[in-house]
């Protein structure tokens, strides 16, 4: 098993934090899971948990990874709860136009 870790300090992180270059050139390995974090936020001075589903930009990115790197699942967590989306079910989510 190999684990690639990418991180950024922006709300909408660029593709470079997803380690796609390494994944594409690391032959012989299968890309099973992309774990993505929707952090806890503050809304009206109250703690609000992040959504446990990919947003429209992420849907578009992950669909591309299914096609190019055979990604199998997407896990979206807010640090407490995690939503799991199989690659076959990404079609149920709306991508960005």
PDB file of N, CA and C in Angstrom:
ATOM      1  N   UNK A   1       0.849  -1.169   0.000  1.00  0.00           N
ATOM      2  CA  UNK A   1       0.000   0.000   0.000  1.00  0.00           C
ATOM      3  C   UNK A   1       0.894   1.231   0.000  1.00  0.00           C
ATOM      4  N   UNK A   2       0.494   2.212  -0.795  1.00  0.00           N
ATOM      5  CA  UNK A   2       1.153   3.513  -0.795  1.00  0.00           C
ATOM      6  C   UNK A   2       0.115   4.556  -0.448  1.00  0.00           C
ATOM      7  N   UNK A   3       0.527   5.538   0.297  1.00  0.00           N
ATOM      8  CA  UNK A   3      -0.349   6.650   0.653  1.00  0.00           C
ATOM      9  C   UNK A   3       0.315   7.925   0.158  1.00  0.00           C
ATOM     10  N   UNK A   4      -0.410   8.673  -0.656  1.00  0.00           N
ATOM     11  CA  UNK A   4       0.056   9.981  -1.099  1.00  0.00           C
ATOM     12  C   UNK A   4      -0.702  11.016  -0.285  1.00  0.00           C
ATOM     13  N   UNK A   5       0.014  11.980   0.246  1.00  0.00           N
ATOM     14  CA  UNK A   5      -0.607  13.020   1.056  1.00  0.00           C
ATOM     15  C   UNK A   5      -0.376  14.360   0.399  1.00  0.00           C
ATOM     16  N   UNK A   6      -1.454  15.092   0.195  1.00  0.00           N
ATOM     17  CA  UNK A   6      -1.361  16.439  -0.338  1.00  0.00           C
ATOM     18  C   UNK A   6      -2.175  17.372   0.533  1.00  0.00           C
ATOM     19  N   UNK A   7      -1.716  18.583   0.683  1.00  0.00           N
ATOM     20  CA  UNK A   7      -2.426  19.539   1.519  1.00  0.00           C
ATOM     21  C   UNK A   7      -2.271  20.938   0.958  1.00  0.00           C
ATOM     22  N   UNK A   8      -3.232  21.779   1.275  1.00  0.00           N
ATOM     23  CA  UNK A   8      -3.176  23.170   0.864  1.00  0.00           C
ATOM     24  C   UNK A   8      -3.864  24.045   1.884  1.00  0.00           C
ATOM     25  N   UNK A   9      -3.619  25.336   1.782  1.00  0.00           N
ATOM     26  CA  UNK A   9      -4.216  26.276   2.730  1.00  0.00           C
ATOM     27  C   UNK A   9      -5.305  27.124   2.085  1.00  0.00           C
ATOM     28  N   UNK A  10      -5.742  26.731   0.906  1.00  0.00           N
ATOM     29  CA  UNK A  10      -6.771  27.475   0.195  1.00  0.00           C
ATOM     30  C   UNK A  10      -8.105  26.750   0.297  1.00  0.00           C
ATOM     31  N   UNK A  11      -9.188  27.517   0.251  1.00  0.00           N
ATOM     32  CA  UNK A  11     -10.516  26.911   0.309  1.00  0.00           C
ATOM     33  C   UNK A  11     -10.722  25.965  -0.863  1.00  0.00           C
ATOM     34  N   UNK A  12     -10.334  26.391  -2.066  1.00  0.00           N
ATOM     35  CA  UNK A  12     -10.416  25.536  -3.240  1.00  0.00           C
ATOM     36  C   UNK A  12      -8.999  25.251  -3.695  1.00  0.00           C
ATOM     37  N   UNK A  13      -8.455  24.164  -3.186  1.00  0.00           N
ATOM     38  CA  UNK A  13      -7.057  23.827  -3.449  1.00  0.00           C
ATOM     39  C   UNK A  13      -6.848  23.479  -4.918  1.00  0.00           C
ATOM     40  N   UNK A  14      -5.698  23.843  -5.480  1.00  0.00           N
ATOM     41  CA  UNK A  14      -5.401  23.499  -6.863  1.00  0.00           C
ATOM     42  C   UNK A  14      -5.125  22.003  -7.022  1.00  0.00           C
ATOM     43  N   UNK A  15      -5.170  21.525  -8.258  1.00  0.00           N
ATOM     44  CA  UNK A  15      -4.940  20.105  -8.524  1.00  0.00           C
ATOM     45  C   UNK A  15      -3.597  19.624  -8.011  1.00  0.00           C
ATOM     46  N   UNK A  16      -2.630  20.517  -7.915  1.00  0.00           N
ATOM     47  CA  UNK A  16      -1.282  20.112  -7.504  1.00  0.00           C
ATOM     48  C   UNK A  16      -1.250  19.473  -6.116  1.00  0.00           C
ATOM     49  N   UNK A  17      -2.201  19.764  -5.249  1.00  0.00           N
ATOM     50  CA  UNK A  17      -2.187  19.167  -3.909  1.00  0.00           C
ATOM     51  C   UNK A  17      -2.683  17.721  -3.910  1.00  0.00           C
ATOM     52  N   UNK A  18      -3.214  17.259  -5.040  1.00  0.00           N
ATOM     53  CA  UNK A  18      -3.742  15.897  -5.110  1.00  0.00           C
ATOM     54  C   UNK A  18      -2.718  14.860  -5.546  1.00  0.00           C
ATOM     55  N   UNK A  19      -1.464  15.251  -5.750  1.00  0.00           N
ATOM     56  CA  UNK A  19      -0.373  14.327  -6.086  1.00  0.00           C
ATOM     57  C   UNK A  19      -0.633  13.561  -7.380  1.00  0.00           C
ATOM     58  N   UNK A  20      -1.320  14.172  -8.336  1.00  0.00           N
ATOM     59  CA  UNK A  20      -1.699  13.488  -9.565  1.00  0.00           C
ATOM     60  C   UNK A  20      -0.491  13.096 -10.401  1.00  0.00           C
ATOM     61  N   UNK A  21       0.542  13.914 -10.392  1.00  0.00           N
ATOM     62  CA  UNK A  21       1.760  13.590 -11.157  1.00  0.00           C
ATOM     63  C   UNK A  21       2.350  12.269 -10.682  1.00  0.00           C
ATOM     64  N   UNK A  22       2.482  12.110  -9.383  1.00  0.00           N
ATOM     65  CA  UNK A  22       3.032  10.872  -8.835  1.00  0.00           C
ATOM     66  C   UNK A  22       2.152   9.673  -9.098  1.00  0.00           C
ATOM     67  N   UNK A  23       0.848   9.844  -8.980  1.00  0.00           N
ATOM     68  CA  UNK A  23      -0.081   8.748  -9.225  1.00  0.00           C
ATOM     69  C   UNK A  23      -0.035   8.281 -10.676  1.00  0.00           C
ATOM     70  N   UNK A  24       0.055   9.216 -11.594  1.00  0.00           N
ATOM     71  CA  UNK A  24       0.037   8.880 -13.016  1.00  0.00           C
ATOM     72  C   UNK A  24       1.306   8.147 -13.445  1.00  0.00           C
ATOM     73  N   UNK A  25       2.423   8.420 -12.787  1.00  0.00           N
ATOM     74  CA  UNK A  25       3.695   7.820 -13.201  1.00  0.00           C
ATOM     75  C   UNK A  25       4.119   6.639 -12.333  1.00  0.00           C
ATOM     76  N   UNK A  26       3.363   6.309 -11.325  1.00  0.00           N
ATOM     77  CA  UNK A  26       3.720   5.232 -10.403  1.00  0.00           C
ATOM     78  C   UNK A  26       3.087   3.925 -10.885  1.00  0.00           C
ATOM     79  N   UNK A  27       3.652   3.350 -11.919  1.00  0.00           N
ATOM     80  CA  UNK A  27       3.082   2.161 -12.559  1.00  0.00           C
ATOM     81  C   UNK A  27       2.972   0.956 -11.638  1.00  0.00           C
ATOM     82  N   UNK A  28       1.978   0.132 -11.914  1.00  0.00           N
ATOM     83  CA  UNK A  28       1.803  -1.106 -11.170  1.00  0.00           C
ATOM     84  C   UNK A  28       0.919  -0.997  -9.937  1.00  0.00           C
ATOM     85  N   UNK A  29       0.549   0.209  -9.562  1.00  0.00           N
ATOM     86  CA  UNK A  29      -0.298   0.406  -8.392  1.00  0.00           C
ATOM     87  C   UNK A  29      -1.714   0.741  -8.838  1.00  0.00           C
ATOM     88  N   UNK A  30      -2.687   0.402  -8.009  1.00  0.00           N
ATOM     89  CA  UNK A  30      -4.082   0.724  -8.293  1.00  0.00           C
ATOM     90  C   UNK A  30      -4.530   1.849  -7.375  1.00  0.00           C
ATOM     91  N   UNK A  31      -5.254   2.798  -7.943  1.00  0.00           N
ATOM     92  CA  UNK A  31      -5.738   3.960  -7.199  1.00  0.00           C
ATOM     93  C   UNK A  31      -7.110   3.614  -6.633  1.00  0.00           C
ATOM     94  N   UNK A  32      -7.162   3.249  -5.372  1.00  0.00           N
ATOM     95  CA  UNK A  32      -8.403   2.783  -4.777  1.00  0.00           C
ATOM     96  C   UNK A  32      -9.260   3.900  -4.215  1.00  0.00           C
ATOM     97  N   UNK A  33      -8.660   4.789  -3.437  1.00  0.00           N
ATOM     98  CA  UNK A  33      -9.455   5.747  -2.674  1.00  0.00           C
ATOM     99  C   UNK A  33      -8.819   7.134  -2.708  1.00  0.00           C
ATOM    100  N   UNK A  34      -9.661   8.135  -2.869  1.00  0.00           N
ATOM    101  CA  UNK A  34      -9.257   9.524  -2.662  1.00  0.00           C
ATOM    102  C   UNK A  34      -9.984   9.994  -1.408  1.00  0.00           C
ATOM    103  N   UNK A  35      -9.244  10.362  -0.389  1.00  0.00           N
ATOM    104  CA  UNK A  35      -9.815  10.887   0.846  1.00  0.00           C
ATOM    105  C   UNK A  35      -9.708  12.402   0.797  1.00  0.00           C
ATOM    106  N   UNK A  36     -10.830  13.058   0.952  1.00  0.00           N
ATOM    107  CA  UNK A  36     -10.870  14.518   0.858  1.00  0.00           C
ATOM    108  C   UNK A  36     -11.514  15.079   2.121  1.00  0.00           C
ATOM    109  N   UNK A  37     -10.970  16.176   2.627  1.00  0.00           N
ATOM    110  CA  UNK A  37     -11.445  16.754   3.882  1.00  0.00           C
ATOM    111  C   UNK A  37     -12.223  18.038   3.640  1.00  0.00           C
ATOM    112  N   UNK A  38     -13.433  18.077   4.139  1.00  0.00           N
ATOM    113  CA  UNK A  38     -14.210  19.320   4.220  1.00  0.00           C
ATOM    114  C   UNK A  38     -14.210  19.704   5.688  1.00  0.00           C
ATOM    115  N   UNK A  39     -13.361  20.635   6.024  1.00  0.00           N
ATOM    116  CA  UNK A  39     -13.086  20.948   7.420  1.00  0.00           C
ATOM    117  C   UNK A  39     -14.286  21.552   8.139  1.00  0.00           C
ATOM    118  N   UNK A  40     -14.176  21.558   9.443  1.00  0.00           N
ATOM    119  CA  UNK A  40     -15.165  22.208  10.300  1.00  0.00           C
ATOM    120  C   UNK A  40     -15.052  23.716  10.088  1.00  0.00           C
ATOM    121  N   UNK A  41     -16.162  24.383   9.991  1.00  0.00           N
ATOM    122  CA  UNK A  41     -16.191  25.829   9.746  1.00  0.00           C
ATOM    123  C   UNK A  41     -16.988  26.514  10.850  1.00  0.00           C
ATOM    124  N   UNK A  42     -16.893  27.838  10.866  1.00  0.00           N
ATOM    125  CA  UNK A  42     -17.708  28.638  11.773  1.00  0.00           C
ATOM    126  C   UNK A  42     -18.749  29.364  10.952  1.00  0.00           C
ATOM    127  N   UNK A  43     -20.007  29.225  11.345  1.00  0.00           N
ATOM    128  CA  UNK A  43     -21.114  29.867  10.651  1.00  0.00           C
ATOM    129  C   UNK A  43     -21.947  30.599  11.692  1.00  0.00           C
ATOM    130  N   UNK A  44     -22.034  31.921  11.566  1.00  0.00           N
ATOM    131  CA  UNK A  44     -22.753  32.741  12.549  1.00  0.00           C
ATOM    132  C   UNK A  44     -22.266  32.466  13.973  1.00  0.00           C
ATOM    133  N   UNK A  45     -20.943  32.390  14.100  1.00  0.00           N
ATOM    134  CA  UNK A  45     -20.277  32.160  15.389  1.00  0.00           C
ATOM    135  C   UNK A  45     -20.557  30.786  16.001  1.00  0.00           C
ATOM    136  N   UNK A  46     -21.073  29.889  15.193  1.00  0.00           N
ATOM    137  CA  UNK A  46     -21.326  28.523  15.667  1.00  0.00           C
ATOM    138  C   UNK A  46     -20.523  27.565  14.807  1.00  0.00           C
ATOM    139  N   UNK A  47     -20.076  26.491  15.407  1.00  0.00           N
ATOM    140  CA  UNK A  47     -19.325  25.476  14.678  1.00  0.00           C
ATOM    141  C   UNK A  47     -20.268  24.757  13.724  1.00  0.00           C
ATOM    142  N   UNK A  48     -19.838  24.634  12.462  1.00  0.00           N
ATOM    143  CA  UNK A  48     -20.632  23.940  11.449  1.00  0.00           C
ATOM    144  C   UNK A  48     -19.755  22.876  10.812  1.00  0.00           C
ATOM    145  N   UNK A  49     -20.239  21.653  10.805  1.00  0.00           N
ATOM    146  CA  UNK A  49     -19.486  20.563  10.197  1.00  0.00           C
ATOM    147  C   UNK A  49     -19.513  20.694   8.681  1.00  0.00           C
ATOM    148  N   UNK A  50     -18.419  20.332   8.031  1.00  0.00           N
ATOM    149  CA  UNK A  50     -18.354  20.343   6.573  1.00  0.00           C
ATOM    150  C   UNK A  50     -19.252  19.267   5.983  1.00  0.00           C
ATOM    151  N   UNK A  51     -19.635  19.468   4.745  1.00  0.00           N
ATOM    152  CA  UNK A  51     -20.513  18.525   4.038  1.00  0.00           C
ATOM    153  C   UNK A  51     -19.724  17.263   3.699  1.00  0.00           C
ATOM    154  N   UNK A  52     -20.370  16.098   3.817  1.00  0.00           N
ATOM    155  CA  UNK A  52     -19.698  14.823   3.575  1.00  0.00           C
ATOM    156  C   UNK A  52     -19.927  14.309   2.163  1.00  0.00           C
ATOM    157  N   UNK A  53     -19.971  15.205   1.212  1.00  0.00           N
ATOM    158  CA  UNK A  53     -20.144  14.850  -0.199  1.00  0.00           C
ATOM    159  C   UNK A  53     -19.258  15.768  -1.029  1.00  0.00           C
ATOM    160  N   UNK A  54     -18.812  15.301  -2.197  1.00  0.00           N
ATOM    161  CA  UNK A  54     -17.971  16.155  -3.026  1.00  0.00           C
ATOM    162  C   UNK A  54     -18.750  17.333  -3.597  1.00  0.00           C
ATOM    163  N   UNK A  55     -18.099  18.492  -3.687  1.00  0.00           N
ATOM    164  CA  UNK A  55     -18.760  19.641  -4.306  1.00  0.00           C
ATOM    165  C   UNK A  55     -18.626  19.531  -5.830  1.00  0.00           C
ATOM    166  N   UNK A  56     -19.193  20.471  -6.558  1.00  0.00           N
ATOM    167  CA  UNK A  56     -19.239  20.359  -8.018  1.00  0.00           C
ATOM    168  C   UNK A  56     -17.854  20.314  -8.650  1.00  0.00           C
ATOM    169  N   UNK A  57     -16.902  21.086  -8.141  1.00  0.00           N
ATOM    170  CA  UNK A  57     -15.537  21.035  -8.684  1.00  0.00           C
ATOM    171  C   UNK A  57     -14.901  19.676  -8.432  1.00  0.00           C
ATOM    172  N   UNK A  58     -15.104  19.151  -7.254  1.00  0.00           N
ATOM    173  CA  UNK A  58     -14.516  17.863  -6.896  1.00  0.00           C
ATOM    174  C   UNK A  58     -15.132  16.726  -7.692  1.00  0.00           C
ATOM    175  N   UNK A  59     -16.436  16.806  -7.957  1.00  0.00           N
ATOM    176  CA  UNK A  59     -17.085  15.779  -8.781  1.00  0.00           C
ATOM    177  C   UNK A  59     -16.403  15.707 -10.137  1.00  0.00           C
ATOM    178  N   UNK A  60     -16.168  16.859 -10.720  1.00  0.00           N
ATOM    179  CA  UNK A  60     -15.517  16.914 -12.027  1.00  0.00           C
ATOM    180  C   UNK A  60     -14.105  16.319 -11.951  1.00  0.00           C
ATOM    181  N   UNK A  61     -13.334  16.687 -10.936  1.00  0.00           N
ATOM    182  CA  UNK A  61     -11.988  16.157 -10.755  1.00  0.00           C
ATOM    183  C   UNK A  61     -12.019  14.643 -10.559  1.00  0.00           C
ATOM    184  N   UNK A  62     -12.869  14.157  -9.661  1.00  0.00           N
ATOM    185  CA  UNK A  62     -12.893  12.737  -9.342  1.00  0.00           C
ATOM    186  C   UNK A  62     -13.395  11.895 -10.509  1.00  0.00           C
ATOM    187  N   UNK A  63     -14.338  12.405 -11.288  1.00  0.00           N
ATOM    188  CA  UNK A  63     -14.771  11.677 -12.486  1.00  0.00           C
ATOM    189  C   UNK A  63     -13.613  11.510 -13.457  1.00  0.00           C
ATOM    190  N   UNK A  64     -12.810  12.548 -13.585  1.00  0.00           N
ATOM    191  CA  UNK A  64     -11.631  12.451 -14.442  1.00  0.00           C
ATOM    192  C   UNK A  64     -10.640  11.421 -13.936  1.00  0.00           C
ATOM    193  N   UNK A  65     -10.489  11.332 -12.610  1.00  0.00           N
ATOM    194  CA  UNK A  65      -9.576  10.348 -12.031  1.00  0.00           C
ATOM    195  C   UNK A  65     -10.095   8.927 -12.195  1.00  0.00           C
ATOM    196  N   UNK A  66     -11.401   8.758 -12.218  1.00  0.00           N
ATOM    197  CA  UNK A  66     -11.977   7.440 -12.504  1.00  0.00           C
ATOM    198  C   UNK A  66     -11.578   7.022 -13.917  1.00  0.00           C
ATOM    199  N   UNK A  67     -11.689   7.951 -14.862  1.00  0.00           N
ATOM    200  CA  UNK A  67     -11.376   7.658 -16.257  1.00  0.00           C
ATOM    201  C   UNK A  67      -9.875   7.439 -16.486  1.00  0.00           C
ATOM    202  N   UNK A  68      -9.043   8.299 -15.920  1.00  0.00           N
ATOM    203  CA  UNK A  68      -7.615   8.243 -16.230  1.00  0.00           C
ATOM    204  C   UNK A  68      -6.813   7.308 -15.333  1.00  0.00           C
ATOM    205  N   UNK A  69      -7.199   7.191 -14.060  1.00  0.00           N
ATOM    206  CA  UNK A  69      -6.405   6.411 -13.111  1.00  0.00           C
ATOM    207  C   UNK A  69      -7.193   5.291 -12.433  1.00  0.00           C
ATOM    208  N   UNK A  70      -8.422   5.055 -12.882  1.00  0.00           N
ATOM    209  CA  UNK A  70      -9.272   3.974 -12.347  1.00  0.00           C
ATOM    210  C   UNK A  70      -9.557   4.114 -10.861  1.00  0.00           C
ATOM    211  N   UNK A  71      -9.759   5.352 -10.410  1.00  0.00           N
ATOM    212  CA  UNK A  71     -10.145   5.592  -9.011  1.00  0.00           C
ATOM    213  C   UNK A  71     -11.400   4.794  -8.689  1.00  0.00           C
ATOM    214  N   UNK A  72     -11.427   4.147  -7.530  1.00  0.00           N
ATOM    215  CA  UNK A  72     -12.562   3.286  -7.160  1.00  0.00           C
ATOM    216  C   UNK A  72     -13.573   3.954  -6.225  1.00  0.00           C
ATOM    217  N   UNK A  73     -13.089   4.743  -5.268  1.00  0.00           N
ATOM    218  CA  UNK A  73     -13.985   5.365  -4.286  1.00  0.00           C
ATOM    219  C   UNK A  73     -13.483   6.747  -3.910  1.00  0.00           C
ATOM    220  N   UNK A  74     -14.413   7.574  -3.476  1.00  0.00           N
ATOM    221  CA  UNK A  74     -14.106   8.888  -2.928  1.00  0.00           C
ATOM    222  C   UNK A  74     -14.653   8.917  -1.508  1.00  0.00           C
ATOM    223  N   UNK A  75     -13.803   9.290  -0.577  1.00  0.00           N
ATOM    224  CA  UNK A  75     -14.229   9.466   0.803  1.00  0.00           C
ATOM    225  C   UNK A  75     -14.139  10.954   1.116  1.00  0.00           C
ATOM    226  N   UNK A  76     -15.236  11.526   1.585  1.00  0.00           N
ATOM    227  CA  UNK A  76     -15.245  12.937   1.968  1.00  0.00           C
ATOM    228  C   UNK A  76     -15.579  12.997   3.453  1.00  0.00           C
ATOM    229  N   UNK A  77     -14.691  13.579   4.224  1.00  0.00           N
ATOM    230  CA  UNK A  77     -14.861  13.625   5.668  1.00  0.00           C
ATOM    231  C   UNK A  77     -14.881  15.058   6.170  1.00  0.00           C
ATOM    232  N   UNK A  78     -15.543  15.257   7.292  1.00  0.00           N
ATOM    233  CA  UNK A  78     -15.464  16.551   7.963  1.00  0.00           C
ATOM    234  C   UNK A  78     -14.679  16.402   9.264  1.00  0.00           C
ATOM    235  N   UNK A  79     -14.001  15.287   9.405  1.00  0.00           N
ATOM    236  CA  UNK A  79     -13.207  15.019  10.594  1.00  0.00           C
ATOM    237  C   UNK A  79     -13.962  14.236  11.642  1.00  0.00           C
ATOM    238  N   UNK A  80     -15.269  14.161  11.506  1.00  0.00           N
ATOM    239  CA  UNK A  80     -16.090  13.401  12.448  1.00  0.00           C
ATOM    240  C   UNK A  80     -16.865  12.316  11.705  1.00  0.00           C
ATOM    241  N   UNK A  81     -17.512  12.699  10.626  1.00  0.00           N
ATOM    242  CA  UNK A  81     -18.283  11.765   9.802  1.00  0.00           C
ATOM    243  C   UNK A  81     -17.673  11.700   8.413  1.00  0.00           C
ATOM    244  N   UNK A  82     -17.809  10.548   7.758  1.00  0.00           N
ATOM    245  CA  UNK A  82     -17.249  10.365   6.424  1.00  0.00           C
ATOM    246  C   UNK A  82     -18.309   9.803   5.490  1.00  0.00           C
ATOM    247  N   UNK A  83     -18.426  10.422   4.323  1.00  0.00           N
ATOM    248  CA  UNK A  83     -19.298   9.915   3.266  1.00  0.00           C
ATOM    249  C   UNK A  83     -18.452   9.167   2.254  1.00  0.00           C
ATOM    250  N   UNK A  84     -18.960   8.036   1.771  1.00  0.00           N
ATOM    251  CA  UNK A  84     -18.245   7.217   0.800  1.00  0.00           C
ATOM    252  C   UNK A  84     -19.057   7.172  -0.489  1.00  0.00           C
ATOM    253  N   UNK A  85     -18.399   7.487  -1.610  1.00  0.00           N
ATOM    254  CA  UNK A  85     -19.051   7.459  -2.916  1.00  0.00           C
ATOM    255  C   UNK A  85     -18.244   6.526  -3.813  1.00  0.00           C
ATOM    256  N   UNK A  86     -18.871   5.434  -4.276  1.00  0.00           N
ATOM    257  CA  UNK A  86     -18.224   4.541  -5.233  1.00  0.00           C
ATOM    258  C   UNK A  86     -18.131   5.237  -6.578  1.00  0.00           C
ATOM    259  N   UNK A  87     -17.125   4.893  -7.354  1.00  0.00           N
ATOM    260  CA  UNK A  87     -16.919   5.549  -8.646  1.00  0.00           C
ATOM    261  C   UNK A  87     -18.156   5.441  -9.539  1.00  0.00           C
ATOM    262  N   UNK A  88     -18.887   4.334  -9.463  1.00  0.00           N
ATOM    263  CA  UNK A  88     -20.091   4.159 -10.275  1.00  0.00           C
ATOM    264  C   UNK A  88     -21.178   5.166  -9.902  1.00  0.00           C
ATOM    265  N   UNK A  89     -21.165   5.644  -8.668  1.00  0.00           N
ATOM    266  CA  UNK A  89     -22.205   6.561  -8.195  1.00  0.00           C
ATOM    267  C   UNK A  89     -21.853   8.035  -8.375  1.00  0.00           C
ATOM    268  N   UNK A  90     -20.647   8.344  -8.857  1.00  0.00           N
ATOM    269  CA  UNK A  90     -20.292   9.743  -9.082  1.00  0.00           C
ATOM    270  C   UNK A  90     -21.192  10.383 -10.137  1.00  0.00           C
ATOM    271  N   UNK A  91     -21.792   9.578 -10.991  1.00  0.00           N
ATOM    272  CA  UNK A  91     -22.712  10.076 -12.007  1.00  0.00           C
ATOM    273  C   UNK A  91     -23.975  10.673 -11.422  1.00  0.00           C
ATOM    274  N   UNK A  92     -24.271  10.367 -10.180  1.00  0.00           N
ATOM    275  CA  UNK A  92     -25.458  10.921  -9.527  1.00  0.00           C
ATOM    276  C   UNK A  92     -25.247  12.349  -9.030  1.00  0.00           C
ATOM    277  N   UNK A  93     -23.993  12.765  -8.972  1.00  0.00           N
ATOM    278  CA  UNK A  93     -23.660  14.107  -8.502  1.00  0.00           C
ATOM    279  C   UNK A  93     -23.510  15.047  -9.701  1.00  0.00           C
ATOM    280  N   UNK A  94     -23.934  16.275  -9.537  1.00  0.00           N
ATOM    281  CA  UNK A  94     -23.835  17.255 -10.607  1.00  0.00           C
ATOM    282  C   UNK A  94     -22.442  17.876 -10.640  1.00  0.00           C
ATOM    283  N   UNK A  95     -21.781  17.860 -11.811  1.00  0.00           N
ATOM    284  CA  UNK A  95     -20.475  18.509 -11.917  1.00  0.00           C
ATOM    285  C   UNK A  95     -20.650  19.990 -12.198  1.00  0.00           C
ATOM    286  N   UNK A  96     -19.555  20.696 -12.136  1.00  0.00           N
ATOM    287  CA  UNK A  96     -19.568  22.123 -12.478  1.00  0.00           C
ATOM    288  C   UNK A  96     -19.722  22.257 -13.993  1.00  0.00           C
ATOM    289  N   UNK A  97     -20.526  23.188 -14.415  1.00  0.00           N
ATOM    290  CA  UNK A  97     -20.715  23.406 -15.855  1.00  0.00           C
ATOM    291  C   UNK A  97     -19.554  24.135 -16.470  1.00  0.00           C
TER     292      UNK A  97
END
